[in-house]
Protein backbone atom coordinates (compact mmCIF):
# COMPACT_ATOMS: atom_id res chain seq x y z
CA MET A 1 8.18 -6.05 6.52
CA GLN A 2 5.99 -5.11 3.26
CA GLN A 3 3.30 -2.79 2.74
CA SER A 4 1.19 -2.44 -0.24
CA PHE A 5 -0.70 0.48 -1.56
CA SER A 6 -3.94 -0.58 -4.19
CA SER A 7 -4.13 0.69 -7.89
CA GLN A 8 -8.12 1.55 -7.41
CA THR A 9 -9.24 5.38 -8.17
CA PRO A 10 -10.52 6.68 -4.97
CA GLY A 11 -14.32 6.51 -4.53
CA THR A 12 -15.21 4.53 -7.77
CA GLY A 13 -13.60 0.99 -7.43
CA GLU A 14 -12.63 1.02 -10.95
CA ASP A 15 -8.36 0.83 -11.71
CA LYS A 16 -6.40 4.05 -12.78
CA PRO A 17 -7.14 4.80 -16.47
CA GLY A 18 -4.74 5.24 -19.00
CA THR A 19 -1.39 3.15 -20.55
CA GLY A 20 2.02 4.59 -21.39
CA GLU A 21 4.74 4.07 -23.85
CA ASP A 22 7.68 1.92 -22.55
CA LYS A 23 11.05 3.41 -22.28
CA PRO A 24 14.13 1.82 -22.14
CA SER A 25 15.36 0.67 -18.75
CA THR A 26 18.02 3.31 -17.10
CA GLY A 27 19.70 0.64 -15.12
CA GLY A 28 21.03 -3.12 -15.17
CA ASP A 29 19.95 -5.69 -12.14
CA THR A 30 21.52 -3.52 -9.69
CA ASP A 31 23.15 0.30 -10.51
CA LYS A 32 25.63 2.14 -8.47
CA GLY A 33 22.97 5.20 -9.52
CA ASP A 34 24.71 8.59 -9.41
CA LYS A 35 25.18 9.46 -5.37
CA PRO A 36 27.45 7.63 -3.47
CA GLY A 37 25.63 4.71 -1.06
CA GLU A 38 22.92 4.85 -3.36
CA ARG A 39 21.62 1.82 -5.43
CA VAL A 40 19.47 1.59 -7.94
CA ASP A 41 17.18 -1.77 -9.00
CA ASN A 42 15.83 -1.93 -12.69
CA GLU A 43 14.61 1.37 -13.03
CA VAL A 44 12.65 1.64 -16.10
CA ARG A 45 10.95 5.23 -17.21
CA GLU A 46 7.99 5.74 -18.59
CA GLN A 47 5.59 8.72 -19.20
CA ALA A 48 2.90 8.99 -17.26
CA PRO A 49 -0.59 8.71 -19.19
CA GLY A 50 -2.41 11.04 -17.00
CA PHE A 51 0.58 13.63 -16.04
CA LYS A 52 -0.58 17.04 -15.89
CA ASP A 53 1.06 20.68 -15.32
CA GLY A 54 2.43 20.87 -12.09
CA ASP A 55 2.71 16.71 -11.60
CA ILE A 56 6.25 15.45 -10.44
CA TYR A 57 8.29 12.64 -12.10
CA VAL A 58 10.86 10.82 -9.18
CA SER A 59 13.38 8.63 -10.20
CA ALA A 60 15.68 6.44 -7.56
CA LYS A 61 18.46 8.78 -9.53
CA GLY A 62 16.88 11.71 -9.13
CA SER A 63 18.02 14.85 -7.22
CA SER A 64 17.18 18.02 -5.30
CA GLU A 65 18.16 19.71 -8.08
CA GLY A 66 15.72 17.94 -10.64
CA ASP A 67 12.88 20.01 -12.00
CA GLY A 68 10.64 17.41 -11.56
CA SER A 69 10.59 16.94 -15.46
CA TYR A 70 11.25 13.48 -17.14
CA GLU A 71 14.61 14.76 -18.28
CA LYS A 72 15.35 15.98 -14.77
CA PRO A 73 13.33 13.63 -12.39
CA MET A 74 13.54 14.93 -8.67
CA ASP A 75 14.49 12.72 -5.43
CA PHE A 76 11.41 11.50 -3.55
CA VAL A 77 11.82 13.55 -0.58
CA THR A 78 11.96 16.44 -2.13
CA ALA A 79 8.91 15.84 -4.34
CA LEU A 80 7.09 15.35 -1.59
CA ASN A 81 7.64 18.83 -0.33
CA THR A 82 7.06 20.03 -3.30
CA VAL A 83 3.78 18.82 -4.80
CA LYS A 84 1.00 21.43 -4.69
CA PRO A 85 -2.86 20.09 -3.89
CA GLY A 86 -4.50 18.51 -6.97
CA ASN A 87 -1.15 17.66 -8.61
CA THR A 88 0.49 13.81 -8.52
CA ILE A 89 4.56 12.33 -7.99
CA TRP A 90 5.10 10.14 -10.64
CA MET A 91 7.57 7.72 -9.70
CA PHE A 92 9.47 5.42 -12.19
CA SER A 93 9.61 1.54 -11.46
CA ALA A 94 12.52 1.03 -9.64
CA THR A 95 13.82 -0.05 -6.06
CA TYR A 96 14.08 3.32 -4.37
CA TYR A 97 16.78 2.74 -1.21
CA VAL A 98 15.22 5.66 0.93
CA TYR A 99 17.26 4.99 4.21
CA ASP A 100 20.75 4.61 2.07
CA MET A 101 19.76 7.94 1.04
CA TYR A 102 18.92 10.07 3.40
CA LYS A 103 19.54 7.93 6.67
CA ALA A 104 16.63 8.72 8.60
CA PRO A 105 12.28 8.03 8.58
CA VAL A 106 10.50 10.36 5.88
CA ILE A 107 7.66 12.33 7.73
CA ILE A 108 5.56 14.24 5.13
CA SER A 109 4.42 16.90 7.86
CA GLU A 110 1.06 18.29 8.94
CA ASP A 111 1.00 20.99 6.94
CA ASN A 112 2.42 19.79 3.90
CA SER A 113 -1.06 18.82 3.20
CA GLY A 114 -3.54 18.40 0.21
CA THR A 115 -7.16 19.84 0.29
CA ALA A 116 -10.60 18.11 0.61
CA ASP A 117 -10.72 18.63 -3.58
CA ALA A 118 -7.34 18.39 -4.23
CA TYR A 119 -5.61 15.71 -3.24
CA LYS A 120 -1.70 15.33 -3.26
CA THR A 121 -0.61 12.13 -4.57
CA VAL A 122 1.92 9.46 -4.98
CA SER A 123 1.80 6.84 -7.62
CA SER A 124 3.75 4.23 -9.80
CA ILE A 125 3.40 4.58 -13.63
CA ASN A 126 0.76 2.15 -15.35
CA GLY A 127 0.78 0.00 -12.34
CA LYS A 128 4.66 -0.89 -12.17
CA PRO A 129 6.67 -1.82 -9.25
CA VAL A 130 8.00 0.60 -6.95
CA THR A 131 9.29 -0.28 -3.84
CA ILE A 132 10.24 2.41 -0.96
CA ASN A 133 13.35 0.00 0.47
CA PHE A 134 14.27 1.10 4.30
CA ASP A 135 17.17 -1.20 4.56
CA GLY A 136 19.56 -0.41 6.66
CA MET A 137 17.18 1.13 9.60
CA ALA A 138 17.15 -0.45 13.04
CA GLU A 139 14.67 -2.12 14.09
CA GLU A 140 12.91 -0.28 16.89
CA GLY A 141 9.29 0.78 17.74
CA SER A 142 10.33 4.66 16.20
CA ASN A 143 11.74 3.71 13.07
CA ARG A 144 8.99 3.67 10.98
CA GLY A 145 9.61 4.17 7.51
CA ILE A 146 7.62 7.00 6.33
CA THR A 147 4.98 8.85 8.69
CA LEU A 148 1.58 10.48 6.89
CA ASP A 149 1.17 13.23 9.21
CA GLY A 150 -0.42 14.87 6.44
CA SER A 151 -3.90 15.00 5.42
CA TYR A 152 -5.63 14.50 2.01
CA TRP A 153 -3.28 11.96 0.66
CA HIS A 154 -3.54 8.98 -1.67
CA PHE A 155 -0.59 6.75 -2.29
CA TYR A 156 -1.32 3.88 -5.42
CA ASP A 157 0.77 1.36 -6.13
CA ILE A 158 4.09 1.34 -3.82
CA ASP A 159 5.33 -1.09 -2.13
CA ILE A 160 7.17 -0.09 1.66
CA CYS A 161 9.76 -2.51 2.97
CA ASN A 162 12.23 -3.62 5.29
CA ALA A 163 11.39 -0.04 7.85
CA GLY A 164 12.31 -0.46 11.43
CA ASP A 165 8.79 -1.03 12.78
CA ASN A 166 5.76 0.09 10.30
CA GLY A 167 6.64 0.92 6.91
CA MET A 168 3.82 3.62 7.01
CA LEU A 169 2.61 5.56 9.90
CA LEU A 170 -1.19 7.03 9.08
CA SER A 171 -1.47 9.64 11.60
CA GLY A 172 -2.72 12.92 9.36
CA ASP A 173 -6.56 13.59 8.86
CA ARG A 174 -8.70 12.25 5.34
CA ARG A 175 -5.73 10.18 4.04
CA GLN A 176 -6.47 7.46 2.19
CA LYS A 177 -5.72 4.32 2.63
CA ARG A 178 -6.49 1.41 0.46
CA GLU A 179 -6.94 -2.46 0.28
CA ARG A 180 -3.52 -3.99 2.06
CA HIS A 181 -1.66 -6.76 -0.50
CA GLY A 182 -1.32 -9.61 2.30
CA HIS A 183 1.80 -8.13 3.66
CA ALA A 184 3.14 -8.18 7.31
CA GLY A 185 3.01 -5.17 9.37
CA ASP A 186 0.41 -2.59 10.18
CA TRP A 187 -0.21 0.58 8.38
């Protein structure tokens, strides 16, 4: 089960602007990663063209001790719980084996919301592939990959696959879901 989120800027129908400078790959075809059980497929790092103060870089090899900088990126869940309204989580191009790392679904709680004037955003960099993979999660109705209970969130260019039920359950108010790209499943 895989789901994608569009790259269009909300309300404009236009693609996100900017290009970044390519950086060398930090992994081979499959790299074991820095943590036991962590797998990383072809992580490619590049600068985010719209990066601003308060934004966060995330890596499949990131950690909760990371500061969100290019040199010391955070892990995915730490970034979700750290990002402030109006800021963006920039995900380096890679496959993120989230279930391997956390052994649980990801929940963005209701009190983790942006505002009407300042959404929280999760985005790939320059539309490069980012896959959040829940490989290993049991198939059952309560095993959503990500549950979005928070409001005022945007997701761009992120694929979610192999969750036990839905890749993402949207339950918060005022979240922006963009066009779905023909993958099976509901979100």
